[in-house]
PDB file of N, CA and C in Angstrom:
ATOM      1  N   MET A   1     -15.405  22.063 -51.737  1.00  0.00           N
ATOM      2  CA  MET A   1     -14.016  22.481 -51.756  1.00  0.00           C
ATOM      3  C   MET A   1     -13.990  23.989 -51.515  1.00  0.00           C
ATOM      4  N   ARG A   2     -13.142  24.409 -50.599  1.00  0.00           N
ATOM      5  CA  ARG A   2     -13.024  25.835 -50.298  1.00  0.00           C
ATOM      6  C   ARG A   2     -11.635  26.310 -50.693  1.00  0.00           C
ATOM      7  N   LEU A   3     -11.607  27.360 -51.527  1.00  0.00           N
ATOM      8  CA  LEU A   3     -10.375  27.943 -52.029  1.00  0.00           C
ATOM      9  C   LEU A   3     -10.121  29.286 -51.364  1.00  0.00           C
ATOM     10  N   ALA A   4      -8.844  29.620 -51.175  1.00  0.00           N
ATOM     11  CA  ALA A   4      -8.458  30.955 -50.707  1.00  0.00           C
ATOM     12  C   ALA A   4      -7.495  31.525 -51.731  1.00  0.00           C
ATOM     13  N   LEU A   5      -7.769  32.747 -52.157  1.00  0.00           N
ATOM     14  CA  LEU A   5      -6.947  33.417 -53.155  1.00  0.00           C
ATOM     15  C   LEU A   5      -6.600  34.820 -52.667  1.00  0.00           C
ATOM     16  N   PRO A   6      -5.322  35.093 -52.408  1.00  0.00           N
ATOM     17  CA  PRO A   6      -4.942  36.448 -52.008  1.00  0.00           C
ATOM     18  C   PRO A   6      -5.077  37.362 -53.223  1.00  0.00           C
ATOM     19  N   TYR A   7      -5.630  38.538 -53.005  1.00  0.00           N
ATOM     20  CA  TYR A   7      -5.806  39.416 -54.159  1.00  0.00           C
ATOM     21  C   TYR A   7      -5.532  40.869 -53.816  1.00  0.00           C
ATOM     22  N   GLU A   8      -5.280  41.597 -54.890  1.00  0.00           N
ATOM     23  CA  GLU A   8      -5.082  43.034 -54.815  1.00  0.00           C
ATOM     24  C   GLU A   8      -5.604  43.609 -56.114  1.00  0.00           C
ATOM     25  N   ASN A   9      -6.530  44.539 -56.019  1.00  0.00           N
ATOM     26  CA  ASN A   9      -7.147  45.148 -57.199  1.00  0.00           C
ATOM     27  C   ASN A   9      -7.749  44.103 -58.135  1.00  0.00           C
ATOM     28  N   GLY A  10      -8.373  43.071 -57.564  1.00  0.00           N
ATOM     29  CA  GLY A  10      -9.051  42.050 -58.354  1.00  0.00           C
ATOM     30  C   GLY A  10      -8.144  41.004 -58.988  1.00  0.00           C
ATOM     31  N   GLN A  11      -6.844  41.112 -58.761  1.00  0.00           N
ATOM     32  CA  GLN A  11      -5.870  40.197 -59.344  1.00  0.00           C
ATOM     33  C   GLN A  11      -5.212  39.373 -58.241  1.00  0.00           C
ATOM     34  N   ILE A  12      -4.745  38.168 -58.595  1.00  0.00           N
ATOM     35  CA  ILE A  12      -4.015  37.348 -57.640  1.00  0.00           C
ATOM     36  C   ILE A  12      -2.785  38.126 -57.175  1.00  0.00           C
ATOM     37  N   ASN A  13      -2.622  38.234 -55.865  1.00  0.00           N
ATOM     38  CA  ASN A  13      -1.463  38.926 -55.312  1.00  0.00           C
ATOM     39  C   ASN A  13      -0.228  38.063 -55.541  1.00  0.00           C
ATOM     40  N   GLN A  14       0.815  38.664 -56.044  1.00  0.00           N
ATOM     41  CA  GLN A  14       2.031  37.928 -56.354  1.00  0.00           C
ATOM     42  C   GLN A  14       2.953  37.754 -55.153  1.00  0.00           C
ATOM     43  N   HIS A  15       2.560  38.256 -53.997  1.00  0.00           N
ATOM     44  CA  HIS A  15       3.344  38.075 -52.773  1.00  0.00           C
ATOM     45  C   HIS A  15       2.383  37.708 -51.650  1.00  0.00           C
ATOM     46  N   PHE A  16       2.245  36.416 -51.405  1.00  0.00           N
ATOM     47  CA  PHE A  16       1.290  35.900 -50.431  1.00  0.00           C
ATOM     48  C   PHE A  16       1.390  36.607 -49.080  1.00  0.00           C
ATOM     49  N   GLY A  17       2.587  36.754 -48.564  1.00  0.00           N
ATOM     50  CA  GLY A  17       2.788  37.314 -47.233  1.00  0.00           C
ATOM     51  C   GLY A  17       2.388  38.768 -47.086  1.00  0.00           C
ATOM     52  N   ARG A  18       2.253  39.472 -48.177  1.00  0.00           N
ATOM     53  CA  ARG A  18       1.842  40.875 -48.128  1.00  0.00           C
ATOM     54  C   ARG A  18       0.364  41.061 -48.428  1.00  0.00           C
ATOM     55  N   SER A  19      -0.353  39.979 -48.537  1.00  0.00           N
ATOM     56  CA  SER A  19      -1.766  40.051 -48.911  1.00  0.00           C
ATOM     57  C   SER A  19      -2.603  40.650 -47.792  1.00  0.00           C
ATOM     58  N   ARG A  20      -3.384  41.632 -48.154  1.00  0.00           N
ATOM     59  CA  ARG A  20      -4.274  42.283 -47.199  1.00  0.00           C
ATOM     60  C   ARG A  20      -5.672  41.685 -47.239  1.00  0.00           C
ATOM     61  N   GLU A  21      -6.013  41.057 -48.372  1.00  0.00           N
ATOM     62  CA  GLU A  21      -7.348  40.483 -48.521  1.00  0.00           C
ATOM     63  C   GLU A  21      -7.274  39.148 -49.247  1.00  0.00           C
ATOM     64  N   PHE A  22      -8.216  38.280 -48.904  1.00  0.00           N
ATOM     65  CA  PHE A  22      -8.345  36.980 -49.535  1.00  0.00           C
ATOM     66  C   PHE A  22      -9.777  36.795 -50.001  1.00  0.00           C
ATOM     67  N   ALA A  23      -9.921  36.253 -51.203  1.00  0.00           N
ATOM     68  CA  ALA A  23     -11.232  35.800 -51.661  1.00  0.00           C
ATOM     69  C   ALA A  23     -11.348  34.355 -51.193  1.00  0.00           C
ATOM     70  N   ILE A  24     -12.416  34.041 -50.493  1.00  0.00           N
ATOM     71  CA  ILE A  24     -12.709  32.687 -50.057  1.00  0.00           C
ATOM     72  C   ILE A  24     -13.867  32.215 -50.939  1.00  0.00           C
ATOM     73  N   VAL A  25     -13.609  31.156 -51.709  1.00  0.00           N
ATOM     74  CA  VAL A  25     -14.572  30.717 -52.715  1.00  0.00           C
ATOM     75  C   VAL A  25     -14.908  29.246 -52.492  1.00  0.00           C
ATOM     76  N   ASP A  26     -16.203  28.956 -52.374  1.00  0.00           N
ATOM     77  CA  ASP A  26     -16.672  27.582 -52.275  1.00  0.00           C
ATOM     78  C   ASP A  26     -17.048  27.112 -53.675  1.00  0.00           C
ATOM     79  N   VAL A  27     -16.442  26.001 -54.096  1.00  0.00           N
ATOM     80  CA  VAL A  27     -16.749  25.426 -55.403  1.00  0.00           C
ATOM     81  C   VAL A  27     -17.259  24.011 -55.219  1.00  0.00           C
ATOM     82  N   GLU A  28     -18.160  23.641 -56.091  1.00  0.00           N
ATOM     83  CA  GLU A  28     -18.691  22.279 -56.115  1.00  0.00           C
ATOM     84  C   GLU A  28     -18.820  21.884 -57.569  1.00  0.00           C
ATOM     85  N   GLY A  29     -18.062  20.858 -57.966  1.00  0.00           N
ATOM     86  CA  GLY A  29     -18.047  20.466 -59.369  1.00  0.00           C
ATOM     87  C   GLY A  29     -17.512  21.616 -60.200  1.00  0.00           C
ATOM     88  N   CYS A  30     -18.323  22.088 -61.108  1.00  0.00           N
ATOM     89  CA  CYS A  30     -17.919  23.201 -61.981  1.00  0.00           C
ATOM     90  C   CYS A  30     -18.689  24.473 -61.661  1.00  0.00           C
ATOM     91  N   ALA A  31     -19.117  24.615 -60.408  1.00  0.00           N
ATOM     92  CA  ALA A  31     -19.908  25.784 -60.045  1.00  0.00           C
ATOM     93  C   ALA A  31     -19.359  26.451 -58.793  1.00  0.00           C
ATOM     94  N   ILE A  32     -19.427  27.777 -58.793  1.00  0.00           N
ATOM     95  CA  ILE A  32     -19.099  28.558 -57.600  1.00  0.00           C
ATOM     96  C   ILE A  32     -20.369  28.632 -56.765  1.00  0.00           C
ATOM     97  N   LYS A  33     -20.288  28.141 -55.528  1.00  0.00           N
ATOM     98  CA  LYS A  33     -21.454  28.120 -54.639  1.00  0.00           C
ATOM     99  C   LYS A  33     -21.534  29.354 -53.749  1.00  0.00           C
ATOM    100  N   ALA A  34     -20.386  29.883 -53.354  1.00  0.00           N
ATOM    101  CA  ALA A  34     -20.363  31.061 -52.483  1.00  0.00           C
ATOM    102  C   ALA A  34     -19.001  31.736 -52.599  1.00  0.00           C
ATOM    103  N   ARG A  35     -18.994  33.028 -52.282  1.00  0.00           N
ATOM    104  CA  ARG A  35     -17.742  33.787 -52.298  1.00  0.00           C
ATOM    105  C   ARG A  35     -17.842  34.898 -51.264  1.00  0.00           C
ATOM    106  N   LYS A  36     -16.746  35.081 -50.519  1.00  0.00           N
ATOM    107  CA  LYS A  36     -16.680  36.195 -49.575  1.00  0.00           C
ATOM    108  C   LYS A  36     -15.247  36.699 -49.538  1.00  0.00           C
ATOM    109  N   ASN A  37     -15.082  37.897 -49.051  1.00  0.00           N
ATOM    110  CA  ASN A  37     -13.758  38.490 -48.894  1.00  0.00           C
ATOM    111  C   ASN A  37     -13.424  38.558 -47.413  1.00  0.00           C
ATOM    112  N   VAL A  38     -12.166  38.232 -47.103  1.00  0.00           N
ATOM    113  CA  VAL A  38     -11.701  38.217 -45.719  1.00  0.00           C
ATOM    114  C   VAL A  38     -10.472  39.102 -45.625  1.00  0.00           C
ATOM    115  N   SER A  39     -10.440  39.972 -44.627  1.00  0.00           N
ATOM    116  CA  SER A  39      -9.289  40.849 -44.406  1.00  0.00           C
ATOM    117  C   SER A  39      -8.203  40.109 -43.640  1.00  0.00           C
ATOM    118  N   ALA A  40      -6.976  40.344 -44.063  1.00  0.00           N
ATOM    119  CA  ALA A  40      -5.805  39.807 -43.360  1.00  0.00           C
ATOM    120  C   ALA A  40      -4.812  40.934 -43.085  1.00  0.00           C
ATOM    121  N   ALA A  41      -5.314  42.165 -43.077  1.00  0.00           N
ATOM    122  CA  ALA A  41      -4.444  43.337 -42.951  1.00  0.00           C
ATOM    123  C   ALA A  41      -3.576  43.284 -41.691  1.00  0.00           C
ATOM    124  N   ASN A  42      -4.097  42.723 -40.611  1.00  0.00           N
ATOM    125  CA  ASN A  42      -3.319  42.671 -39.367  1.00  0.00           C
ATOM    126  C   ASN A  42      -2.405  41.441 -39.296  1.00  0.00           C
ATOM    127  N   LEU A  43      -2.390  40.621 -40.343  1.00  0.00           N
ATOM    128  CA  LEU A  43      -1.589  39.397 -40.340  1.00  0.00           C
ATOM    129  C   LEU A  43      -0.473  39.408 -41.380  1.00  0.00           C
ATOM    130  N   GLN A  44      -0.239  40.524 -42.037  1.00  0.00           N
ATOM    131  CA  GLN A  44       0.781  40.556 -43.082  1.00  0.00           C
ATOM    132  C   GLN A  44       2.121  40.093 -42.532  1.00  0.00           C
ATOM    133  N   HIS A  45       2.755  39.215 -43.291  1.00  0.00           N
ATOM    134  CA  HIS A  45       4.051  38.620 -42.964  1.00  0.00           C
ATOM    135  C   HIS A  45       4.037  37.840 -41.647  1.00  0.00           C
ATOM    136  N   ASN A  46       2.859  37.433 -41.205  1.00  0.00           N
ATOM    137  CA  ASN A  46       2.705  36.559 -40.044  1.00  0.00           C
ATOM    138  C   ASN A  46       2.291  35.195 -40.599  1.00  0.00           C
ATOM    139  N   HIS A  47       3.279  34.385 -40.955  1.00  0.00           N
ATOM    140  CA  HIS A  47       3.021  33.145 -41.677  1.00  0.00           C
ATOM    141  C   HIS A  47       2.106  32.194 -40.917  1.00  0.00           C
ATOM    142  N   GLU A  48       2.361  32.002 -39.637  1.00  0.00           N
ATOM    143  CA  GLU A  48       1.515  31.115 -38.852  1.00  0.00           C
ATOM    144  C   GLU A  48       0.114  31.707 -38.708  1.00  0.00           C
ATOM    145  N   GLY A  49       0.032  33.026 -38.593  1.00  0.00           N
ATOM    146  CA  GLY A  49      -1.260  33.690 -38.492  1.00  0.00           C
ATOM    147  C   GLY A  49      -2.081  33.523 -39.757  1.00  0.00           C
ATOM    148  N   LEU A  50      -1.427  33.632 -40.911  1.00  0.00           N
ATOM    149  CA  LEU A  50      -2.136  33.437 -42.174  1.00  0.00           C
ATOM    150  C   LEU A  50      -2.592  31.987 -42.319  1.00  0.00           C
ATOM    151  N   ALA A  51      -1.748  31.045 -41.916  1.00  0.00           N
ATOM    152  CA  ALA A  51      -2.144  29.633 -41.953  1.00  0.00           C
ATOM    153  C   ALA A  51      -3.328  29.402 -41.015  1.00  0.00           C
ATOM    154  N   GLY A  52      -3.303  30.046 -39.840  1.00  0.00           N
ATOM    155  CA  GLY A  52      -4.411  29.940 -38.896  1.00  0.00           C
ATOM    156  C   GLY A  52      -5.698  30.507 -39.464  1.00  0.00           C
ATOM    157  N   LEU A  53      -5.589  31.629 -40.172  1.00  0.00           N
ATOM    158  CA  LEU A  53      -6.762  32.230 -40.815  1.00  0.00           C
ATOM    159  C   LEU A  53      -7.352  31.259 -41.831  1.00  0.00           C
ATOM    160  N   MET A  54      -6.484  30.603 -42.598  1.00  0.00           N
ATOM    161  CA  MET A  54      -6.956  29.645 -43.602  1.00  0.00           C
ATOM    162  C   MET A  54      -7.674  28.466 -42.923  1.00  0.00           C
ATOM    163  N   ARG A  55      -7.134  27.986 -41.823  1.00  0.00           N
ATOM    164  CA  ARG A  55      -7.777  26.895 -41.075  1.00  0.00           C
ATOM    165  C   ARG A  55      -9.120  27.352 -40.505  1.00  0.00           C
ATOM    166  N   THR A  56      -9.141  28.541 -39.919  1.00  0.00           N
ATOM    167  CA  THR A  56     -10.384  29.080 -39.348  1.00  0.00           C
ATOM    168  C   THR A  56     -11.470  29.199 -40.405  1.00  0.00           C
ATOM    169  N   GLU A  57     -11.066  29.570 -41.621  1.00  0.00           N
ATOM    170  CA  GLU A  57     -12.027  29.729 -42.717  1.00  0.00           C
ATOM    171  C   GLU A  57     -12.383  28.395 -43.391  1.00  0.00           C
ATOM    172  N   GLY A  58     -11.756  27.303 -42.959  1.00  0.00           N
ATOM    173  CA  GLY A  58     -12.069  25.991 -43.524  1.00  0.00           C
ATOM    174  C   GLY A  58     -11.554  25.788 -44.932  1.00  0.00           C
ATOM    175  N   VAL A  59     -10.438  26.448 -45.258  1.00  0.00           N
ATOM    176  CA  VAL A  59      -9.865  26.400 -46.601  1.00  0.00           C
ATOM    177  C   VAL A  59      -9.200  25.042 -46.847  1.00  0.00           C
ATOM    178  N   ASP A  60      -9.359  24.539 -48.069  1.00  0.00           N
ATOM    179  CA  ASP A  60      -8.718  23.301 -48.507  1.00  0.00           C
ATOM    180  C   ASP A  60      -7.509  23.577 -49.397  1.00  0.00           C
ATOM    181  N   VAL A  61      -7.627  24.615 -50.249  1.00  0.00           N
ATOM    182  CA  VAL A  61      -6.598  24.913 -51.254  1.00  0.00           C
ATOM    183  C   VAL A  61      -6.319  26.410 -51.260  1.00  0.00           C
ATOM    184  N   VAL A  62      -5.034  26.777 -51.244  1.00  0.00           N
ATOM    185  CA  VAL A  62      -4.616  28.168 -51.398  1.00  0.00           C
ATOM    186  C   VAL A  62      -4.016  28.304 -52.788  1.00  0.00           C
ATOM    187  N   ILE A  63      -4.489  29.287 -53.533  1.00  0.00           N
ATOM    188  CA  ILE A  63      -3.977  29.557 -54.880  1.00  0.00           C
ATOM    189  C   ILE A  63      -3.358  30.946 -54.847  1.00  0.00           C
ATOM    190  N   THR A  64      -2.065  31.033 -55.182  1.00  0.00           N
ATOM    191  CA  THR A  64      -1.350  32.297 -55.042  1.00  0.00           C
ATOM    192  C   THR A  64      -0.324  32.484 -56.146  1.00  0.00           C
ATOM    193  N   GLY A  65       0.274  33.652 -56.171  1.00  0.00           N
ATOM    194  CA  GLY A  65       1.405  33.923 -57.066  1.00  0.00           C
ATOM    195  C   GLY A  65       2.657  33.403 -56.393  1.00  0.00           C
ATOM    196  N   GLY A  66       3.492  34.303 -55.891  1.00  0.00           N
ATOM    197  CA  GLY A  66       4.701  33.908 -55.179  1.00  0.00           C
ATOM    198  C   GLY A  66       4.432  33.751 -53.702  1.00  0.00           C
ATOM    199  N   ILE A  67       5.264  32.926 -53.060  1.00  0.00           N
ATOM    200  CA  ILE A  67       5.101  32.681 -51.632  1.00  0.00           C
ATOM    201  C   ILE A  67       6.464  32.321 -51.059  1.00  0.00           C
ATOM    202  N   GLY A  68       6.748  32.824 -49.878  1.00  0.00           N
ATOM    203  CA  GLY A  68       8.010  32.507 -49.217  1.00  0.00           C
ATOM    204  C   GLY A  68       8.011  31.091 -48.676  1.00  0.00           C
ATOM    205  N   ALA A  69       9.198  30.558 -48.476  1.00  0.00           N
ATOM    206  CA  ALA A  69       9.349  29.185 -48.011  1.00  0.00           C
ATOM    207  C   ALA A  69       8.689  28.965 -46.652  1.00  0.00           C
ATOM    208  N   HIS A  70       8.794  29.928 -45.738  1.00  0.00           N
ATOM    209  CA  HIS A  70       8.201  29.775 -44.406  1.00  0.00           C
ATOM    210  C   HIS A  70       6.675  29.778 -44.479  1.00  0.00           C
ATOM    211  N   ALA A  71       6.120  30.664 -45.293  1.00  0.00           N
ATOM    212  CA  ALA A  71       4.663  30.706 -45.447  1.00  0.00           C
ATOM    213  C   ALA A  71       4.169  29.426 -46.102  1.00  0.00           C
ATOM    214  N   LEU A  72       4.885  28.955 -47.113  1.00  0.00           N
ATOM    215  CA  LEU A  72       4.515  27.709 -47.783  1.00  0.00           C
ATOM    216  C   LEU A  72       4.531  26.548 -46.792  1.00  0.00           C
ATOM    217  N   SER A  73       5.587  26.457 -45.982  1.00  0.00           N
ATOM    218  CA  SER A  73       5.687  25.399 -44.974  1.00  0.00           C
ATOM    219  C   SER A  73       4.540  25.478 -43.974  1.00  0.00           C
ATOM    220  N   SER A  74       4.211  26.691 -43.536  1.00  0.00           N
ATOM    221  CA  SER A  74       3.126  26.859 -42.568  1.00  0.00           C
ATOM    222  C   SER A  74       1.796  26.370 -43.128  1.00  0.00           C
ATOM    223  N   LEU A  75       1.537  26.685 -44.384  1.00  0.00           N
ATOM    224  CA  LEU A  75       0.286  26.260 -45.010  1.00  0.00           C
ATOM    225  C   LEU A  75       0.258  24.749 -45.198  1.00  0.00           C
ATOM    226  N   GLU A  76       1.361  24.194 -45.701  1.00  0.00           N
ATOM    227  CA  GLU A  76       1.409  22.750 -45.923  1.00  0.00           C
ATOM    228  C   GLU A  76       1.363  21.987 -44.604  1.00  0.00           C
ATOM    229  N   ASP A  77       2.016  22.506 -43.563  1.00  0.00           N
ATOM    230  CA  ASP A  77       1.966  21.876 -42.244  1.00  0.00           C
ATOM    231  C   ASP A  77       0.545  21.880 -41.678  1.00  0.00           C
ATOM    232  N   ALA A  78      -0.255  22.860 -42.108  1.00  0.00           N
ATOM    233  CA  ALA A  78      -1.651  22.947 -41.672  1.00  0.00           C
ATOM    234  C   ALA A  78      -2.556  22.034 -42.503  1.00  0.00           C
ATOM    235  N   GLY A  79      -1.945  21.292 -43.450  1.00  0.00           N
ATOM    236  CA  GLY A  79      -2.717  20.350 -44.255  1.00  0.00           C
ATOM    237  C   GLY A  79      -3.359  20.932 -45.493  1.00  0.00           C
ATOM    238  N   LEU A  80      -2.928  22.142 -45.877  1.00  0.00           N
ATOM    239  CA  LEU A  80      -3.512  22.789 -47.049  1.00  0.00           C
ATOM    240  C   LEU A  80      -2.722  22.455 -48.305  1.00  0.00           C
ATOM    241  N   LYS A  81      -3.432  22.304 -49.400  1.00  0.00           N
ATOM    242  CA  LYS A  81      -2.791  22.184 -50.705  1.00  0.00           C
ATOM    243  C   LYS A  81      -2.493  23.611 -51.159  1.00  0.00           C
ATOM    244  N   VAL A  82      -1.309  23.834 -51.733  1.00  0.00           N
ATOM    245  CA  VAL A  82      -0.928  25.177 -52.179  1.00  0.00           C
ATOM    246  C   VAL A  82      -0.535  25.120 -53.650  1.00  0.00           C
ATOM    247  N   ILE A  83      -1.187  25.957 -54.445  1.00  0.00           N
ATOM    248  CA  ILE A  83      -0.862  26.078 -55.864  1.00  0.00           C
ATOM    249  C   ILE A  83      -0.224  27.446 -56.049  1.00  0.00           C
ATOM    250  N   THR A  84       1.010  27.484 -56.538  1.00  0.00           N
ATOM    251  CA  THR A  84       1.756  28.732 -56.675  1.00  0.00           C
ATOM    252  C   THR A  84       2.016  29.063 -58.140  1.00  0.00           C
ATOM    253  N   GLY A  85       2.502  30.279 -58.365  1.00  0.00           N
ATOM    254  CA  GLY A  85       2.867  30.705 -59.708  1.00  0.00           C
ATOM    255  C   GLY A  85       1.677  31.095 -60.560  1.00  0.00           C
ATOM    256  N   VAL A  86       0.580  31.455 -59.917  1.00  0.00           N
ATOM    257  CA  VAL A  86      -0.663  31.755 -60.624  1.00  0.00           C
ATOM    258  C   VAL A  86      -0.843  33.266 -60.726  1.00  0.00           C
ATOM    259  N   GLY A  87      -1.354  33.722 -61.833  1.00  0.00           N
ATOM    260  CA  GLY A  87      -1.662  35.130 -62.023  1.00  0.00           C
ATOM    261  C   GLY A  87      -2.998  35.278 -62.709  1.00  0.00           C
ATOM    262  N   GLY A  88      -3.557  36.487 -62.649  1.00  0.00           N
ATOM    263  CA  GLY A  88      -4.817  36.767 -63.330  1.00  0.00           C
ATOM    264  C   GLY A  88      -5.897  37.180 -62.363  1.00  0.00           C
ATOM    265  N   GLY A  89      -7.084  37.357 -62.921  1.00  0.00           N
ATOM    266  CA  GLY A  89      -8.236  37.753 -62.131  1.00  0.00           C
ATOM    267  C   GLY A  89      -8.795  36.583 -61.333  1.00  0.00           C
ATOM    268  N   ILE A  90      -9.456  36.883 -60.225  1.00  0.00           N
ATOM    269  CA  ILE A  90      -9.986  35.858 -59.331  1.00  0.00           C
ATOM    270  C   ILE A  90     -10.929  34.907 -60.064  1.00  0.00           C
ATOM    271  N   ASP A  91     -11.921  35.440 -60.782  1.00  0.00           N
ATOM    272  CA  ASP A  91     -12.890  34.569 -61.459  1.00  0.00           C
ATOM    273  C   ASP A  91     -12.212  33.684 -62.497  1.00  0.00           C
ATOM    274  N   GLU A  92     -11.296  34.258 -63.248  1.00  0.00           N
ATOM    275  CA  GLU A  92     -10.550  33.502 -64.261  1.00  0.00           C
ATOM    276  C   GLU A  92      -9.776  32.352 -63.621  1.00  0.00           C
ATOM    277  N   VAL A  93      -9.108  32.630 -62.509  1.00  0.00           N
ATOM    278  CA  VAL A  93      -8.300  31.619 -61.820  1.00  0.00           C
ATOM    279  C   VAL A  93      -9.189  30.523 -61.231  1.00  0.00           C
ATOM    280  N   VAL A  94     -10.292  30.899 -60.606  1.00  0.00           N
ATOM    281  CA  VAL A  94     -11.204  29.905 -60.033  1.00  0.00           C
ATOM    282  C   VAL A  94     -11.754  29.009 -61.139  1.00  0.00           C
ATOM    283  N   ASN A  95     -12.138  29.587 -62.247  1.00  0.00           N
ATOM    284  CA  ASN A  95     -12.647  28.783 -63.366  1.00  0.00           C
ATOM    285  C   ASN A  95     -11.571  27.848 -63.907  1.00  0.00           C
ATOM    286  N   SER A  96     -10.334  28.317 -63.996  1.00  0.00           N
ATOM    287  CA  SER A  96      -9.230  27.446 -64.426  1.00  0.00           C
ATOM    288  C   SER A  96      -9.036  26.298 -63.449  1.00  0.00           C
ATOM    289  N   TYR A  97      -9.152  26.577 -62.152  1.00  0.00           N
ATOM    290  CA  TYR A  97      -9.022  25.528 -61.139  1.00  0.00           C
ATOM    291  C   TYR A  97     -10.118  24.485 -61.324  1.00  0.00           C
ATOM    292  N   MET A  98     -11.341  24.931 -61.500  1.00  0.00           N
ATOM    293  CA  MET A  98     -12.466  23.993 -61.644  1.00  0.00           C
ATOM    294  C   MET A  98     -12.322  23.130 -62.899  1.00  0.00           C
ATOM    295  N   ARG A  99     -11.682  23.654 -63.923  1.00  0.00           N
ATOM    296  CA  ARG A  99     -11.452  22.880 -65.152  1.00  0.00           C
ATOM    297  C   ARG A  99     -10.218  21.986 -65.039  1.00  0.00           C
ATOM    298  N   GLY A 100      -9.511  22.054 -63.912  1.00  0.00           N
ATOM    299  CA  GLY A 100      -8.320  21.237 -63.711  1.00  0.00           C
ATOM    300  C   GLY A 100      -7.106  21.723 -64.466  1.00  0.00           C
ATOM    301  N   GLU A 101      -7.068  23.009 -64.789  1.00  0.00           N
ATOM    302  CA  GLU A 101      -5.994  23.570 -65.613  1.00  0.00           C
ATOM    303  C   GLU A 101      -4.840  24.180 -64.821  1.00  0.00           C
ATOM    304  N   LEU A 102      -4.973  24.320 -63.520  1.00  0.00           N
ATOM    305  CA  LEU A 102      -3.904  24.952 -62.747  1.00  0.00           C
ATOM    306  C   LEU A 102      -2.863  23.921 -62.324  1.00  0.00           C
ATOM    307  N   VAL A 103      -1.630  24.249 -62.596  1.00  0.00           N
ATOM    308  CA  VAL A 103      -0.506  23.419 -62.179  1.00  0.00           C
ATOM    309  C   VAL A 103       0.423  24.312 -61.385  1.00  0.00           C
ATOM    310  N   SER A 104       0.786  23.874 -60.195  1.00  0.00           N
ATOM    311  CA  SER A 104       1.678  24.670 -59.369  1.00  0.00           C
ATOM    312  C   SER A 104       3.039  24.785 -60.028  1.00  0.00           C
ATOM    313  N   ARG A 105       3.547  25.997 -60.095  1.00  0.00           N
ATOM    314  CA  ARG A 105       4.876  26.242 -60.655  1.00  0.00           C
ATOM    315  C   ARG A 105       5.928  26.282 -59.563  1.00  0.00           C
ATOM    316  N   ARG A 106       5.500  25.956 -58.331  1.00  0.00           N
ATOM    317  CA  ARG A 106       6.400  25.971 -57.170  1.00  0.00           C
ATOM    318  C   ARG A 106       7.173  27.276 -57.109  1.00  0.00           C
ATOM    319  N   THR A 107       6.446  28.381 -57.212  1.00  0.00           N
ATOM    320  CA  THR A 107       7.038  29.706 -57.145  1.00  0.00           C
ATOM    321  C   THR A 107       7.229  30.079 -55.687  1.00  0.00           C
ATOM    322  N   SER A 108       8.448  30.422 -55.342  1.00  0.00           N
ATOM    323  CA  SER A 108       8.712  30.852 -53.971  1.00  0.00           C
ATOM    324  C   SER A 108       9.512  32.145 -53.998  1.00  0.00           C
ATOM    325  N   CYS A 109       9.355  32.903 -52.953  1.00  0.00           N
ATOM    326  CA  CYS A 109      10.088  34.165 -52.839  1.00  0.00           C
ATOM    327  C   CYS A 109      11.147  34.018 -51.761  1.00  0.00           C
ATOM    328  N   GLN A 110      12.321  34.504 -52.053  1.00  0.00           N
ATOM    329  CA  GLN A 110      13.416  34.496 -51.090  1.00  0.00           C
ATOM    330  C   GLN A 110      13.556  35.911 -50.536  1.00  0.00           C
ATOM    331  N   HIS A 111      13.642  36.033 -49.238  1.00  0.00           N
ATOM    332  CA  HIS A 111      13.729  37.339 -48.596  1.00  0.00           C
ATOM    333  C   HIS A 111      15.146  37.553 -48.072  1.00  0.00           C
ATOM    334  N   HIS A 112      15.695  38.700 -48.359  1.00  0.00           N
ATOM    335  CA  HIS A 112      17.048  39.020 -47.922  1.00  0.00           C
ATOM    336  C   HIS A 112      17.026  40.291 -47.090  1.00  0.00           C
ATOM    337  N   HIS A 113      17.378  40.169 -45.839  1.00  0.00           N
ATOM    338  CA  HIS A 113      17.502  41.319 -44.935  1.00  0.00           C
ATOM    339  C   HIS A 113      16.216  42.125 -44.831  1.00  0.00           C
ATOM    340  N   GLY A 114      15.076  41.519 -45.150  1.00  0.00           N
ATOM    341  CA  GLY A 114      13.793  42.192 -45.003  1.00  0.00           C
ATOM    342  C   GLY A 114      13.550  43.309 -45.997  1.00  0.00           C
ATOM    343  N   GLU A 115      14.438  43.510 -46.951  1.00  0.00           N
ATOM    344  CA  GLU A 115      14.254  44.615 -47.879  1.00  0.00           C
ATOM    345  C   GLU A 115      14.101  44.148 -49.322  1.00  0.00           C
ATOM    346  N   HIS A 116      14.966  43.263 -49.766  1.00  0.00           N
ATOM    347  CA  HIS A 116      14.976  42.833 -51.150  1.00  0.00           C
ATOM    348  C   HIS A 116      14.178  41.542 -51.303  1.00  0.00           C
ATOM    349  N   HIS A 117      13.315  41.496 -52.280  1.00  0.00           N
ATOM    350  CA  HIS A 117      12.527  40.304 -52.531  1.00  0.00           C
ATOM    351  C   HIS A 117      12.799  39.853 -53.960  1.00  0.00           C
ATOM    352  N   GLY A 118      13.174  38.604 -54.119  1.00  0.00           N
ATOM    353  CA  GLY A 118      13.357  38.039 -55.441  1.00  0.00           C
ATOM    354  C   GLY A 118      12.562  36.747 -55.520  1.00  0.00           C
ATOM    355  N   CYS A 119      11.822  36.551 -56.602  1.00  0.00           N
ATOM    356  CA  CYS A 119      11.031  35.347 -56.744  1.00  0.00           C
ATOM    357  C   CYS A 119      11.745  34.365 -57.654  1.00  0.00           C
ATOM    358  N   HIS A 120      11.652  33.101 -57.291  1.00  0.00           N
ATOM    359  CA  HIS A 120      12.298  32.032 -58.047  1.00  0.00           C
ATOM    360  C   HIS A 120      11.270  30.992 -58.428  1.00  0.00           C
ATOM    361  N   HIS A 121      11.288  30.572 -59.652  1.00  0.00           N
ATOM    362  CA  HIS A 121      10.356  29.568 -60.147  1.00  0.00           C
ATOM    363  C   HIS A 121      11.080  28.245 -60.247  1.00  0.00           C
ATOM    364  N   ASN A 122      10.550  27.236 -59.535  1.00  0.00           N
ATOM    365  CA  ASN A 122      11.147  25.898 -59.537  1.00  0.00           C
ATOM    366  C   ASN A 122      10.422  25.016 -60.516  1.00  0.00           C
TER     367      ASN A 122
END
């Protein structure tokens, strides 16, 4: 299973579309098999581009904080499972995932006129 987690300063980024870096983590059972960091600096707010990056990296599950409806649709259309509403450090979140403790809160961000961002928890 390959996970992608957008991060900033070692923490899950709360705005998927603004993520500059992703931790790509391979897990098997209850163990982390590999981890690498991937830059997405040139893809910020490019929803299809971010979905393409996830496909190129062979990602199965994206774990994030907030995410816009278009980015969420792009990821789901690409066949990825998306877990939203998550916060904390990368290692903590990956371990919670492996223990089956993460539940998507269906957190999405609504964008208004490209300036104001408000997150809504469903």
